Amino acid sequence: MRIADRLDLEIFDWAGTMVDFGCRAPVLALLEVFAQRGVPITEGEARADMGKAKAAHVDALLAMPRVATAWQAARGVAPSAADSAAIVSDLGPMMAEQAGRMATLIDGARATVEGLRAR
């Protein structure tokens, strides 16, 4: 008997595999929360530390020389731990909002699940 004939469970990572091709939701959320503070960041900067816990990710962004300089110019002070905490606090709801916008199935996802169910 082949292993494919014995599988009764398939597990898929959700973001970037079944929905949100390119993992756009967290990137768009980061872009928005920084822009709201007058400190636009680039998509590349937002993606540089993807995979870290949100607080560590925000801290890494604020520590980037270009972002820290932009923060100082826009806000008049260097970014602080309180600024980081406020960004993280705003990030959760913004990520949920963006996830809702990016919830379209990736091409082929539905057919894959239907094919697996049919087996």
PDB file of N, CA and C in Angstrom:
ATOM      1  N   MET A   1       0.845  -1.188   0.000  1.00  0.00           N
ATOM      2  CA  MET A   1       0.000   0.000   0.000  1.00  0.00           C
ATOM      3  C   MET A   1       0.890   1.250   0.000  1.00  0.00           C
ATOM      4  N   ARG A   2       0.565   2.200  -0.862  1.00  0.00           N
ATOM      5  CA  ARG A   2       1.330   3.446  -0.932  1.00  0.00           C
ATOM      6  C   ARG A   2       0.912   4.394   0.191  1.00  0.00           C
ATOM      7  N   ILE A   3       1.836   5.239   0.612  1.00  0.00           N
ATOM      8  CA  ILE A   3       1.520   6.191   1.681  1.00  0.00           C
ATOM      9  C   ILE A   3       0.368   7.111   1.271  1.00  0.00           C
ATOM     10  N   ALA A   4       0.309   7.474  -0.009  1.00  0.00           N
ATOM     11  CA  ALA A   4      -0.774   8.343  -0.479  1.00  0.00           C
ATOM     12  C   ALA A   4      -2.132   7.692  -0.283  1.00  0.00           C
ATOM     13  N   ASP A   5      -2.185   6.382  -0.263  1.00  0.00           N
ATOM     14  CA  ASP A   5      -3.447   5.668  -0.056  1.00  0.00           C
ATOM     15  C   ASP A   5      -3.823   5.598   1.423  1.00  0.00           C
ATOM     16  N   ARG A   6      -2.888   5.911   2.290  1.00  0.00           N
ATOM     17  CA  ARG A   6      -3.135   5.788   3.730  1.00  0.00           C
ATOM     18  C   ARG A   6      -3.345   7.134   4.415  1.00  0.00           C
ATOM     19  N   LEU A   7      -3.152   8.244   3.727  1.00  0.00           N
ATOM     20  CA  LEU A   7      -3.297   9.556   4.362  1.00  0.00           C
ATOM     21  C   LEU A   7      -4.758   9.860   4.650  1.00  0.00           C
ATOM     22  N   ASP A   8      -5.020  10.317   5.865  1.00  0.00           N
ATOM     23  CA  ASP A   8      -6.375  10.731   6.180  1.00  0.00           C
ATOM     24  C   ASP A   8      -6.399  12.155   6.740  1.00  0.00           C
ATOM     25  N   LEU A   9      -5.255  12.824   6.660  1.00  0.00           N
ATOM     26  CA  LEU A   9      -5.175  14.197   7.139  1.00  0.00           C
ATOM     27  C   LEU A   9      -4.130  14.946   6.316  1.00  0.00           C
ATOM     28  N   GLU A  10      -4.503  16.101   5.875  1.00  0.00           N
ATOM     29  CA  GLU A  10      -3.572  17.016   5.194  1.00  0.00           C
ATOM     30  C   GLU A  10      -3.598  18.321   5.963  1.00  0.00           C
ATOM     31  N   ILE A  11      -2.449  18.867   6.240  1.00  0.00           N
ATOM     32  CA  ILE A  11      -2.358  20.137   6.960  1.00  0.00           C
ATOM     33  C   ILE A  11      -1.653  21.138   6.052  1.00  0.00           C
ATOM     34  N   PHE A  12      -2.263  22.295   5.889  1.00  0.00           N
ATOM     35  CA  PHE A  12      -1.683  23.354   5.076  1.00  0.00           C
ATOM     36  C   PHE A  12      -1.438  24.578   5.941  1.00  0.00           C
ATOM     37  N   ASP A  13      -0.303  25.195   5.751  1.00  0.00           N
ATOM     38  CA  ASP A  13      -0.081  26.520   6.303  1.00  0.00           C
ATOM     39  C   ASP A  13      -1.108  27.416   5.630  1.00  0.00           C
ATOM     40  N   TRP A  14      -1.692  28.338   6.339  1.00  0.00           N
ATOM     41  CA  TRP A  14      -2.768  29.147   5.779  1.00  0.00           C
ATOM     42  C   TRP A  14      -2.216  30.328   4.976  1.00  0.00           C
ATOM     43  N   ALA A  15      -1.563  31.266   5.636  1.00  0.00           N
ATOM     44  CA  ALA A  15      -1.119  32.499   4.980  1.00  0.00           C
ATOM     45  C   ALA A  15       0.024  32.223   4.013  1.00  0.00           C
ATOM     46  N   GLY A  16      -0.201  32.597   2.781  1.00  0.00           N
ATOM     47  CA  GLY A  16       0.818  32.426   1.757  1.00  0.00           C
ATOM     48  C   GLY A  16       0.761  31.081   1.065  1.00  0.00           C
ATOM     49  N   THR A  17      -0.048  30.170   1.587  1.00  0.00           N
ATOM     50  CA  THR A  17      -0.188  28.850   0.978  1.00  0.00           C
ATOM     51  C   THR A  17      -1.593  28.671   0.421  1.00  0.00           C
ATOM     52  N   MET A  18      -2.590  28.986   1.228  1.00  0.00           N
ATOM     53  CA  MET A  18      -3.982  28.851   0.795  1.00  0.00           C
ATOM     54  C   MET A  18      -4.607  30.219   0.462  1.00  0.00           C
ATOM     55  N   VAL A  19      -4.221  31.235   1.179  1.00  0.00           N
ATOM     56  CA  VAL A  19      -4.690  32.610   0.935  1.00  0.00           C
ATOM     57  C   VAL A  19      -3.495  33.553   1.033  1.00  0.00           C
ATOM     58  N   ASP A  20      -3.700  34.767   0.622  1.00  0.00           N
ATOM     59  CA  ASP A  20      -2.706  35.837   0.770  1.00  0.00           C
ATOM     60  C   ASP A  20      -1.372  35.492   0.112  1.00  0.00           C
ATOM     61  N   PHE A  21      -1.434  35.252  -1.201  1.00  0.00           N
ATOM     62  CA  PHE A  21      -0.214  34.962  -1.953  1.00  0.00           C
ATOM     63  C   PHE A  21       0.785  36.091  -1.738  1.00  0.00           C
ATOM     64  N   GLY A  22       1.994  35.758  -1.370  1.00  0.00           N
ATOM     65  CA  GLY A  22       3.029  36.751  -1.114  1.00  0.00           C
ATOM     66  C   GLY A  22       3.019  37.279   0.307  1.00  0.00           C
ATOM     67  N   CYS A  23       2.163  36.724   1.155  1.00  0.00           N
ATOM     68  CA  CYS A  23       2.069  37.162   2.560  1.00  0.00           C
ATOM     69  C   CYS A  23       1.999  38.681   2.658  1.00  0.00           C
ATOM     70  N   ARG A  24       1.033  39.252   1.979  1.00  0.00           N
ATOM     71  CA  ARG A  24       0.896  40.707   1.924  1.00  0.00           C
ATOM     72  C   ARG A  24       0.296  41.310   3.187  1.00  0.00           C
ATOM     73  N   ALA A  25      -0.597  40.600   3.875  1.00  0.00           N
ATOM     74  CA  ALA A  25      -1.308  41.197   5.004  1.00  0.00           C
ATOM     75  C   ALA A  25      -0.378  41.770   6.079  1.00  0.00           C
ATOM     76  N   PRO A  26       0.601  41.017   6.582  1.00  0.00           N
ATOM     77  CA  PRO A  26       1.450  41.609   7.618  1.00  0.00           C
ATOM     78  C   PRO A  26       2.312  42.755   7.091  1.00  0.00           C
ATOM     79  N   VAL A  27       2.717  42.669   5.846  1.00  0.00           N
ATOM     80  CA  VAL A  27       3.527  43.743   5.251  1.00  0.00           C
ATOM     81  C   VAL A  27       2.691  45.016   5.144  1.00  0.00           C
ATOM     82  N   LEU A  28       1.485  44.891   4.609  1.00  0.00           N
ATOM     83  CA  LEU A  28       0.616  46.060   4.461  1.00  0.00           C
ATOM     84  C   LEU A  28       0.277  46.665   5.813  1.00  0.00           C
ATOM     85  N   ALA A  29       0.085  45.817   6.825  1.00  0.00           N
ATOM     86  CA  ALA A  29      -0.192  46.322   8.172  1.00  0.00           C
ATOM     87  C   ALA A  29       0.994  47.118   8.715  1.00  0.00           C
ATOM     88  N   LEU A  30       2.194  46.601   8.543  1.00  0.00           N
ATOM     89  CA  LEU A  30       3.382  47.334   8.996  1.00  0.00           C
ATOM     90  C   LEU A  30       3.532  48.659   8.259  1.00  0.00           C
ATOM     91  N   LEU A  31       3.343  48.630   6.948  1.00  0.00           N
ATOM     92  CA  LEU A  31       3.441  49.869   6.168  1.00  0.00           C
ATOM     93  C   LEU A  31       2.460  50.911   6.701  1.00  0.00           C
ATOM     94  N   GLU A  32       1.247  50.461   6.997  1.00  0.00           N
ATOM     95  CA  GLU A  32       0.206  51.385   7.461  1.00  0.00           C
ATOM     96  C   GLU A  32       0.509  51.958   8.842  1.00  0.00           C
ATOM     97  N   VAL A  33       0.890  51.124   9.805  1.00  0.00           N
ATOM     98  CA  VAL A  33       1.107  51.649  11.158  1.00  0.00           C
ATOM     99  C   VAL A  33       2.301  52.598  11.210  1.00  0.00           C
ATOM    100  N   PHE A  34       3.304  52.351  10.397  1.00  0.00           N
ATOM    101  CA  PHE A  34       4.424  53.296  10.346  1.00  0.00           C
ATOM    102  C   PHE A  34       4.017  54.575   9.625  1.00  0.00           C
ATOM    103  N   ALA A  35       3.281  54.455   8.543  1.00  0.00           N
ATOM    104  CA  ALA A  35       2.829  55.641   7.799  1.00  0.00           C
ATOM    105  C   ALA A  35       1.935  56.523   8.674  1.00  0.00           C
ATOM    106  N   GLN A  36       1.112  55.905   9.506  1.00  0.00           N
ATOM    107  CA  GLN A  36       0.243  56.672  10.418  1.00  0.00           C
ATOM    108  C   GLN A  36       1.057  57.536  11.374  1.00  0.00           C
ATOM    109  N   ARG A  37       2.295  57.168  11.588  1.00  0.00           N
ATOM    110  CA  ARG A  37       3.174  57.924  12.482  1.00  0.00           C
ATOM    111  C   ARG A  37       4.098  58.876  11.721  1.00  0.00           C
ATOM    112  N   GLY A  38       3.853  58.988  10.418  1.00  0.00           N
ATOM    113  CA  GLY A  38       4.652  59.895   9.599  1.00  0.00           C
ATOM    114  C   GLY A  38       6.006  59.339   9.222  1.00  0.00           C
ATOM    115  N   VAL A  39       6.169  58.013   9.339  1.00  0.00           N
ATOM    116  CA  VAL A  39       7.438  57.368   9.053  1.00  0.00           C
ATOM    117  C   VAL A  39       7.198  56.226   8.052  1.00  0.00           C
ATOM    118  N   PRO A  40       7.066  56.566   6.775  1.00  0.00           N
ATOM    119  CA  PRO A  40       6.860  55.502   5.796  1.00  0.00           C
ATOM    120  C   PRO A  40       8.062  54.562   5.746  1.00  0.00           C
ATOM    121  N   ILE A  41       7.765  53.278   5.653  1.00  0.00           N
ATOM    122  CA  ILE A  41       8.816  52.280   5.470  1.00  0.00           C
ATOM    123  C   ILE A  41       8.569  51.598   4.133  1.00  0.00           C
ATOM    124  N   THR A  42       9.582  50.936   3.627  1.00  0.00           N
ATOM    125  CA  THR A  42       9.447  50.238   2.351  1.00  0.00           C
ATOM    126  C   THR A  42       8.998  48.796   2.599  1.00  0.00           C
ATOM    127  N   GLU A  43       8.509  48.184   1.539  1.00  0.00           N
ATOM    128  CA  GLU A  43       8.136  46.780   1.647  1.00  0.00           C
ATOM    129  C   GLU A  43       9.358  45.933   1.995  1.00  0.00           C
ATOM    130  N   GLY A  44      10.497  46.262   1.405  1.00  0.00           N
ATOM    131  CA  GLY A  44      11.721  45.530   1.718  1.00  0.00           C
ATOM    132  C   GLY A  44      12.090  45.634   3.184  1.00  0.00           C
ATOM    133  N   GLU A  45      11.956  46.826   3.742  1.00  0.00           N
ATOM    134  CA  GLU A  45      12.239  46.995   5.172  1.00  0.00           C
ATOM    135  C   GLU A  45      11.248  46.179   6.003  1.00  0.00           C
ATOM    136  N   ALA A  46       9.979  46.210   5.630  1.00  0.00           N
ATOM    137  CA  ALA A  46       8.960  45.468   6.370  1.00  0.00           C
ATOM    138  C   ALA A  46       9.221  43.964   6.324  1.00  0.00           C
ATOM    139  N   ARG A  47       9.714  43.487   5.196  1.00  0.00           N
ATOM    140  CA  ARG A  47       9.943  42.043   5.032  1.00  0.00           C
ATOM    141  C   ARG A  47      11.274  41.569   5.619  1.00  0.00           C
ATOM    142  N   ALA A  48      12.187  42.474   5.898  1.00  0.00           N
ATOM    143  CA  ALA A  48      13.545  42.083   6.300  1.00  0.00           C
ATOM    144  C   ALA A  48      13.573  41.140   7.501  1.00  0.00           C
ATOM    145  N   ASP A  49      12.696  41.331   8.444  1.00  0.00           N
ATOM    146  CA  ASP A  49      12.713  40.509   9.656  1.00  0.00           C
ATOM    147  C   ASP A  49      11.428  39.708   9.837  1.00  0.00           C
ATOM    148  N   MET A  50      10.736  39.421   8.719  1.00  0.00           N
ATOM    149  CA  MET A  50       9.522  38.614   8.792  1.00  0.00           C
ATOM    150  C   MET A  50       9.858  37.275   9.443  1.00  0.00           C
ATOM    151  N   GLY A  51       8.951  36.801  10.253  1.00  0.00           N
ATOM    152  CA  GLY A  51       9.164  35.546  10.958  1.00  0.00           C
ATOM    153  C   GLY A  51       9.503  35.761  12.425  1.00  0.00           C
ATOM    154  N   LYS A  52       9.995  36.946  12.750  1.00  0.00           N
ATOM    155  CA  LYS A  52      10.243  37.254  14.153  1.00  0.00           C
ATOM    156  C   LYS A  52       8.908  37.517  14.839  1.00  0.00           C
ATOM    157  N   ALA A  53       8.895  37.399  16.156  1.00  0.00           N
ATOM    158  CA  ALA A  53       7.725  37.809  16.920  1.00  0.00           C
ATOM    159  C   ALA A  53       7.472  39.287  16.632  1.00  0.00           C
ATOM    160  N   LYS A  54       6.223  39.704  16.679  1.00  0.00           N
ATOM    161  CA  LYS A  54       5.860  41.065  16.271  1.00  0.00           C
ATOM    162  C   LYS A  54       6.656  42.134  17.019  1.00  0.00           C
ATOM    163  N   ALA A  55       6.803  42.017  18.325  1.00  0.00           N
ATOM    164  CA  ALA A  55       7.543  43.033  19.077  1.00  0.00           C
ATOM    165  C   ALA A  55       9.000  43.093  18.631  1.00  0.00           C
ATOM    166  N   ALA A  56       9.612  41.939  18.434  1.00  0.00           N
ATOM    167  CA  ALA A  56      11.002  41.906  17.974  1.00  0.00           C
ATOM    168  C   ALA A  56      11.108  42.458  16.555  1.00  0.00           C
ATOM    169  N   HIS A  57      10.111  42.195  15.737  1.00  0.00           N
ATOM    170  CA  HIS A  57      10.099  42.697  14.363  1.00  0.00           C
ATOM    171  C   HIS A  57      10.030  44.221  14.359  1.00  0.00           C
ATOM    172  N   VAL A  58       9.129  44.767  15.154  1.00  0.00           N
ATOM    173  CA  VAL A  58       9.001  46.227  15.244  1.00  0.00           C
ATOM    174  C   VAL A  58      10.284  46.834  15.792  1.00  0.00           C
ATOM    175  N   ASP A  59      10.848  46.236  16.812  1.00  0.00           N
ATOM    176  CA  ASP A  59      12.118  46.737  17.366  1.00  0.00           C
ATOM    177  C   ASP A  59      13.214  46.727  16.299  1.00  0.00           C
ATOM    178  N   ALA A  60      13.261  45.659  15.500  1.00  0.00           N
ATOM    179  CA  ALA A  60      14.264  45.582  14.437  1.00  0.00           C
ATOM    180  C   ALA A  60      14.050  46.678  13.400  1.00  0.00           C
ATOM    181  N   LEU A  61      12.791  46.949  13.062  1.00  0.00           N
ATOM    182  CA  LEU A  61      12.507  48.036  12.118  1.00  0.00           C
ATOM    183  C   LEU A  61      12.954  49.384  12.686  1.00  0.00           C
ATOM    184  N   LEU A  62      12.610  49.635  13.939  1.00  0.00           N
ATOM    185  CA  LEU A  62      12.971  50.911  14.562  1.00  0.00           C
ATOM    186  C   LEU A  62      14.484  51.073  14.724  1.00  0.00           C
ATOM    187  N   ALA A  63      15.200  49.956  14.758  1.00  0.00           N
ATOM    188  CA  ALA A  63      16.663  50.004  14.892  1.00  0.00           C
ATOM    189  C   ALA A  63      17.368  50.184  13.550  1.00  0.00           C
ATOM    190  N   MET A  64      16.645  49.999  12.442  1.00  0.00           N
ATOM    191  CA  MET A  64      17.276  50.214  11.134  1.00  0.00           C
ATOM    192  C   MET A  64      17.694  51.679  11.027  1.00  0.00           C
ATOM    193  N   PRO A  65      18.930  51.939  10.636  1.00  0.00           N
ATOM    194  CA  PRO A  65      19.402  53.327  10.589  1.00  0.00           C
ATOM    195  C   PRO A  65      18.491  54.264   9.786  1.00  0.00           C
ATOM    196  N   ARG A  66      18.024  53.858   8.612  1.00  0.00           N
ATOM    197  CA  ARG A  66      17.183  54.735   7.810  1.00  0.00           C
ATOM    198  C   ARG A  66      15.852  55.018   8.500  1.00  0.00           C
ATOM    199  N   VAL A  67      15.276  53.977   9.105  1.00  0.00           N
ATOM    200  CA  VAL A  67      13.990  54.142   9.781  1.00  0.00           C
ATOM    201  C   VAL A  67      14.161  54.998  11.037  1.00  0.00           C
ATOM    202  N   ALA A  68      15.210  54.747  11.798  1.00  0.00           N
ATOM    203  CA  ALA A  68      15.464  55.542  13.006  1.00  0.00           C
ATOM    204  C   ALA A  68      15.678  57.012  12.658  1.00  0.00           C
ATOM    205  N   THR A  69      16.397  57.265  11.574  1.00  0.00           N
ATOM    206  CA  THR A  69      16.621  58.648  11.137  1.00  0.00           C
ATOM    207  C   THR A  69      15.313  59.293  10.687  1.00  0.00           C
ATOM    208  N   ALA A  70      14.503  58.548   9.949  1.00  0.00           N
ATOM    209  CA  ALA A  70      13.207  59.064   9.496  1.00  0.00           C
ATOM    210  C   ALA A  70      12.294  59.323  10.689  1.00  0.00           C
ATOM    211  N   TRP A  71      12.352  58.440  11.677  1.00  0.00           N
ATOM    212  CA  TRP A  71      11.542  58.628  12.885  1.00  0.00           C
ATOM    213  C   TRP A  71      11.955  59.914  13.599  1.00  0.00           C
ATOM    214  N   GLN A  72      13.246  60.089  13.766  1.00  0.00           N
ATOM    215  CA  GLN A  72      13.773  61.293  14.432  1.00  0.00           C
ATOM    216  C   GLN A  72      13.329  62.549  13.678  1.00  0.00           C
ATOM    217  N   ALA A  73      13.406  62.510  12.365  1.00  0.00           N
ATOM    218  CA  ALA A  73      13.015  63.668  11.551  1.00  0.00           C
ATOM    219  C   ALA A  73      11.519  63.947  11.659  1.00  0.00           C
ATOM    220  N   ALA A  74      10.712  62.908  11.662  1.00  0.00           N
ATOM    221  CA  ALA A  74       9.259  63.077  11.679  1.00  0.00           C
ATOM    222  C   ALA A  74       8.717  63.376  13.072  1.00  0.00           C
ATOM    223  N   ARG A  75       9.329  62.797  14.087  1.00  0.00           N
ATOM    224  CA  ARG A  75       8.760  62.867  15.433  1.00  0.00           C
ATOM    225  C   ARG A  75       9.560  63.744  16.393  1.00  0.00           C
ATOM    226  N   GLY A  76      10.772  64.118  15.992  1.00  0.00           N
ATOM    227  CA  GLY A  76      11.580  64.994  16.825  1.00  0.00           C
ATOM    228  C   GLY A  76      12.360  64.300  17.923  1.00  0.00           C
ATOM    229  N   VAL A  77      12.174  63.002  18.070  1.00  0.00           N
ATOM    230  CA  VAL A  77      12.898  62.212  19.080  1.00  0.00           C
ATOM    231  C   VAL A  77      13.188  60.839  18.496  1.00  0.00           C
ATOM    232  N   ALA A  78      14.165  60.176  19.081  1.00  0.00           N
ATOM    233  CA  ALA A  78      14.465  58.802  18.663  1.00  0.00           C
ATOM    234  C   ALA A  78      13.318  57.893  19.088  1.00  0.00           C
ATOM    235  N   PRO A  79      13.105  56.807  18.358  1.00  0.00           N
ATOM    236  CA  PRO A  79      12.046  55.883  18.761  1.00  0.00           C
ATOM    237  C   PRO A  79      12.365  55.256  20.118  1.00  0.00           C
ATOM    238  N   SER A  80      11.326  55.089  20.929  1.00  0.00           N
ATOM    239  CA  SER A  80      11.497  54.560  22.283  1.00  0.00           C
ATOM    240  C   SER A  80      10.787  53.222  22.427  1.00  0.00           C
ATOM    241  N   ALA A  81      10.983  52.612  23.582  1.00  0.00           N
ATOM    242  CA  ALA A  81      10.280  51.359  23.892  1.00  0.00           C
ATOM    243  C   ALA A  81       8.775  51.596  23.918  1.00  0.00           C
ATOM    244  N   ALA A  82       8.356  52.762  24.384  1.00  0.00           N
ATOM    245  CA  ALA A  82       6.918  53.084  24.402  1.00  0.00           C
ATOM    246  C   ALA A  82       6.378  53.208  22.967  1.00  0.00           C
ATOM    247  N   ASP A  83       7.177  53.776  22.073  1.00  0.00           N
ATOM    248  CA  ASP A  83       6.762  53.862  20.670  1.00  0.00           C
ATOM    249  C   ASP A  83       6.605  52.460  20.079  1.00  0.00           C
ATOM    250  N   SER A  84       7.558  51.598  20.363  1.00  0.00           N
ATOM    251  CA  SER A  84       7.499  50.230  19.867  1.00  0.00           C
ATOM    252  C   SER A  84       6.253  49.524  20.382  1.00  0.00           C
ATOM    253  N   ALA A  85       5.973  49.673  21.665  1.00  0.00           N
ATOM    254  CA  ALA A  85       4.789  49.039  22.260  1.00  0.00           C
ATOM    255  C   ALA A  85       3.503  49.557  21.633  1.00  0.00           C
ATOM    256  N   ALA A  86       3.460  50.861  21.355  1.00  0.00           N
ATOM    257  CA  ALA A  86       2.264  51.443  20.724  1.00  0.00           C
ATOM    258  C   ALA A  86       2.081  50.903  19.307  1.00  0.00           C
ATOM    259  N   ILE A  87       3.164  50.757  18.582  1.00  0.00           N
ATOM    260  CA  ILE A  87       3.088  50.207  17.226  1.00  0.00           C
ATOM    261  C   ILE A  87       2.585  48.765  17.280  1.00  0.00           C
ATOM    262  N   VAL A  88       3.143  47.971  18.183  1.00  0.00           N
ATOM    263  CA  VAL A  88       2.723  46.572  18.315  1.00  0.00           C
ATOM    264  C   VAL A  88       1.241  46.507  18.667  1.00  0.00           C
ATOM    265  N   SER A  89       0.787  47.394  19.542  1.00  0.00           N
ATOM    266  CA  SER A  89      -0.619  47.431  19.934  1.00  0.00           C
ATOM    267  C   SER A  89      -1.527  47.724  18.734  1.00  0.00           C
ATOM    268  N   ASP A  90      -1.109  48.650  17.894  1.00  0.00           N
ATOM    269  CA  ASP A  90      -1.898  48.999  16.706  1.00  0.00           C
ATOM    270  C   ASP A  90      -1.778  47.943  15.611  1.00  0.00           C
ATOM    271  N   LEU A  91      -0.707  47.195  15.633  1.00  0.00           N
ATOM    272  CA  LEU A  91      -0.430  46.229  14.572  1.00  0.00           C
ATOM    273  C   LEU A  91      -1.428  45.069  14.557  1.00  0.00           C
ATOM    274  N   GLY A  92      -1.816  44.586  15.726  1.00  0.00           N
ATOM    275  CA  GLY A  92      -2.754  43.457  15.796  1.00  0.00           C
ATOM    276  C   GLY A  92      -4.045  43.716  15.040  1.00  0.00           C
ATOM    277  N   PRO A  93      -4.778  44.775  15.382  1.00  0.00           N
ATOM    278  CA  PRO A  93      -6.024  45.058  14.663  1.00  0.00           C
ATOM    279  C   PRO A  93      -5.795  45.344  13.176  1.00  0.00           C
ATOM    280  N   MET A  94      -4.683  46.005  12.856  1.00  0.00           N
ATOM    281  CA  MET A  94      -4.396  46.301  11.447  1.00  0.00           C
ATOM    282  C   MET A  94      -4.099  45.019  10.678  1.00  0.00           C
ATOM    283  N   MET A  95      -3.404  44.085  11.308  1.00  0.00           N
ATOM    284  CA  MET A  95      -3.131  42.808  10.641  1.00  0.00           C
ATOM    285  C   MET A  95      -4.431  42.038  10.408  1.00  0.00           C
ATOM    286  N   ALA A  96      -5.332  42.071  11.380  1.00  0.00           N
ATOM    287  CA  ALA A  96      -6.626  41.396  11.212  1.00  0.00           C
ATOM    288  C   ALA A  96      -7.409  42.017  10.064  1.00  0.00           C
ATOM    289  N   GLU A  97      -7.392  43.339   9.991  1.00  0.00           N
ATOM    290  CA  GLU A  97      -8.083  44.033   8.900  1.00  0.00           C
ATOM    291  C   GLU A  97      -7.476  43.656   7.542  1.00  0.00           C
ATOM    292  N   GLN A  98      -6.174  43.687   7.453  1.00  0.00           N
ATOM    293  CA  GLN A  98      -5.502  43.347   6.193  1.00  0.00           C
ATOM    294  C   GLN A  98      -5.700  41.872   5.835  1.00  0.00           C
ATOM    295  N   ALA A  99      -5.700  41.007   6.843  1.00  0.00           N
ATOM    296  CA  ALA A  99      -5.921  39.580   6.576  1.00  0.00           C
ATOM    297  C   ALA A  99      -7.289  39.372   5.941  1.00  0.00           C
ATOM    298  N   GLY A 100      -8.283  40.109   6.410  1.00  0.00           N
ATOM    299  CA  GLY A 100      -9.612  40.027   5.807  1.00  0.00           C
ATOM    300  C   GLY A 100      -9.604  40.449   4.354  1.00  0.00           C
ATOM    301  N   ARG A 101      -8.819  41.444   4.037  1.00  0.00           N
ATOM    302  CA  ARG A 101      -8.715  41.918   2.649  1.00  0.00           C
ATOM    303  C   ARG A 101      -7.964  40.931   1.761  1.00  0.00           C
ATOM    304  N   MET A 102      -7.077  40.174   2.338  1.00  0.00           N
ATOM    305  CA  MET A 102      -6.225  39.260   1.567  1.00  0.00           C
ATOM    306  C   MET A 102      -6.730  37.813   1.603  1.00  0.00           C
ATOM    307  N   ALA A 103      -7.957  37.600   2.038  1.00  0.00           N
ATOM    308  CA  ALA A 103      -8.465  36.255   2.272  1.00  0.00           C
ATOM    309  C   ALA A 103      -8.948  35.524   1.016  1.00  0.00           C
ATOM    310  N   THR A 104      -8.612  36.003  -0.139  1.00  0.00           N
ATOM    311  CA  THR A 104      -8.972  35.313  -1.379  1.00  0.00           C
ATOM    312  C   THR A 104      -8.089  34.083  -1.546  1.00  0.00           C
ATOM    313  N   LEU A 105      -8.712  32.975  -1.909  1.00  0.00           N
ATOM    314  CA  LEU A 105      -7.933  31.751  -2.114  1.00  0.00           C
ATOM    315  C   LEU A 105      -6.927  31.919  -3.249  1.00  0.00           C
ATOM    316  N   ILE A 106      -5.763  31.361  -3.054  1.00  0.00           N
ATOM    317  CA  ILE A 106      -4.725  31.340  -4.074  1.00  0.00           C
ATOM    318  C   ILE A 106      -5.164  30.388  -5.184  1.00  0.00           C
ATOM    319  N   ASP A 107      -4.843  30.737  -6.422  1.00  0.00           N
ATOM    320  CA  ASP A 107      -5.191  29.880  -7.551  1.00  0.00           C
ATOM    321  C   ASP A 107      -4.750  28.448  -7.281  1.00  0.00           C
ATOM    322  N   GLY A 108      -5.662  27.526  -7.469  1.00  0.00           N
ATOM    323  CA  GLY A 108      -5.368  26.113  -7.298  1.00  0.00           C
ATOM    324  C   GLY A 108      -5.645  25.580  -5.904  1.00  0.00           C
ATOM    325  N   ALA A 109      -5.832  26.444  -4.912  1.00  0.00           N
ATOM    326  CA  ALA A 109      -6.049  25.984  -3.537  1.00  0.00           C
ATOM    327  C   ALA A 109      -7.344  25.189  -3.420  1.00  0.00           C
ATOM    328  N   ARG A 110      -8.420  25.726  -3.961  1.00  0.00           N
ATOM    329  CA  ARG A 110      -9.710  25.040  -3.867  1.00  0.00           C
ATOM    330  C   ARG A 110      -9.654  23.685  -4.582  1.00  0.00           C
ATOM    331  N   ALA A 111      -9.091  23.666  -5.780  1.00  0.00           N
ATOM    332  CA  ALA A 111      -9.003  22.418  -6.538  1.00  0.00           C
ATOM    333  C   ALA A 111      -8.150  21.383  -5.802  1.00  0.00           C
ATOM    334  N   THR A 112      -7.103  21.828  -5.147  1.00  0.00           N
ATOM    335  CA  THR A 112      -6.259  20.906  -4.381  1.00  0.00           C
ATOM    336  C   THR A 112      -7.041  20.263  -3.257  1.00  0.00           C
ATOM    337  N   VAL A 113      -7.767  21.079  -2.493  1.00  0.00           N
ATOM    338  CA  VAL A 113      -8.552  20.553  -1.368  1.00  0.00           C
ATOM    339  C   VAL A 113      -9.661  19.646  -1.886  1.00  0.00           C
ATOM    340  N   GLU A 114     -10.333  20.064  -2.939  1.00  0.00           N
ATOM    341  CA  GLU A 114     -11.394  19.214  -3.495  1.00  0.00           C
ATOM    342  C   GLU A 114     -10.836  17.881  -3.984  1.00  0.00           C
ATOM    343  N   GLY A 115      -9.673  17.911  -4.618  1.00  0.00           N
ATOM    344  CA  GLY A 115      -9.037  16.675  -5.071  1.00  0.00           C
ATOM    345  C   GLY A 115      -8.678  15.764  -3.913  1.00  0.00           C
ATOM    346  N   LEU A 116      -8.162  16.330  -2.841  1.00  0.00           N
ATOM    347  CA  LEU A 116      -7.821  15.529  -1.656  1.00  0.00           C
ATOM    348  C   LEU A 116      -9.076  14.936  -1.020  1.00  0.00           C
ATOM    349  N   ARG A 117     -10.120  15.735  -0.936  1.00  0.00           N
ATOM    350  CA  ARG A 117     -11.377  15.229  -0.368  1.00  0.00           C
ATOM    351  C   ARG A 117     -11.947  14.092  -1.213  1.00  0.00           C
ATOM    352  N   ALA A 118     -11.821  14.220  -2.508  1.00  0.00           N
ATOM    353  CA  ALA A 118     -12.345  13.192  -3.415  1.00  0.00           C
ATOM    354  C   ALA A 118     -11.622  11.863  -3.229  1.00  0.00           C
ATOM    355  N   ARG A 119     -10.341  11.916  -2.846  1.00  0.00           N
ATOM    356  CA  ARG A 119      -9.578  10.678  -2.635  1.00  0.00           C
ATOM    357  C   ARG A 119     -10.039   9.993  -1.404  1.00  0.00           C
TER     358      ARG A 119
END
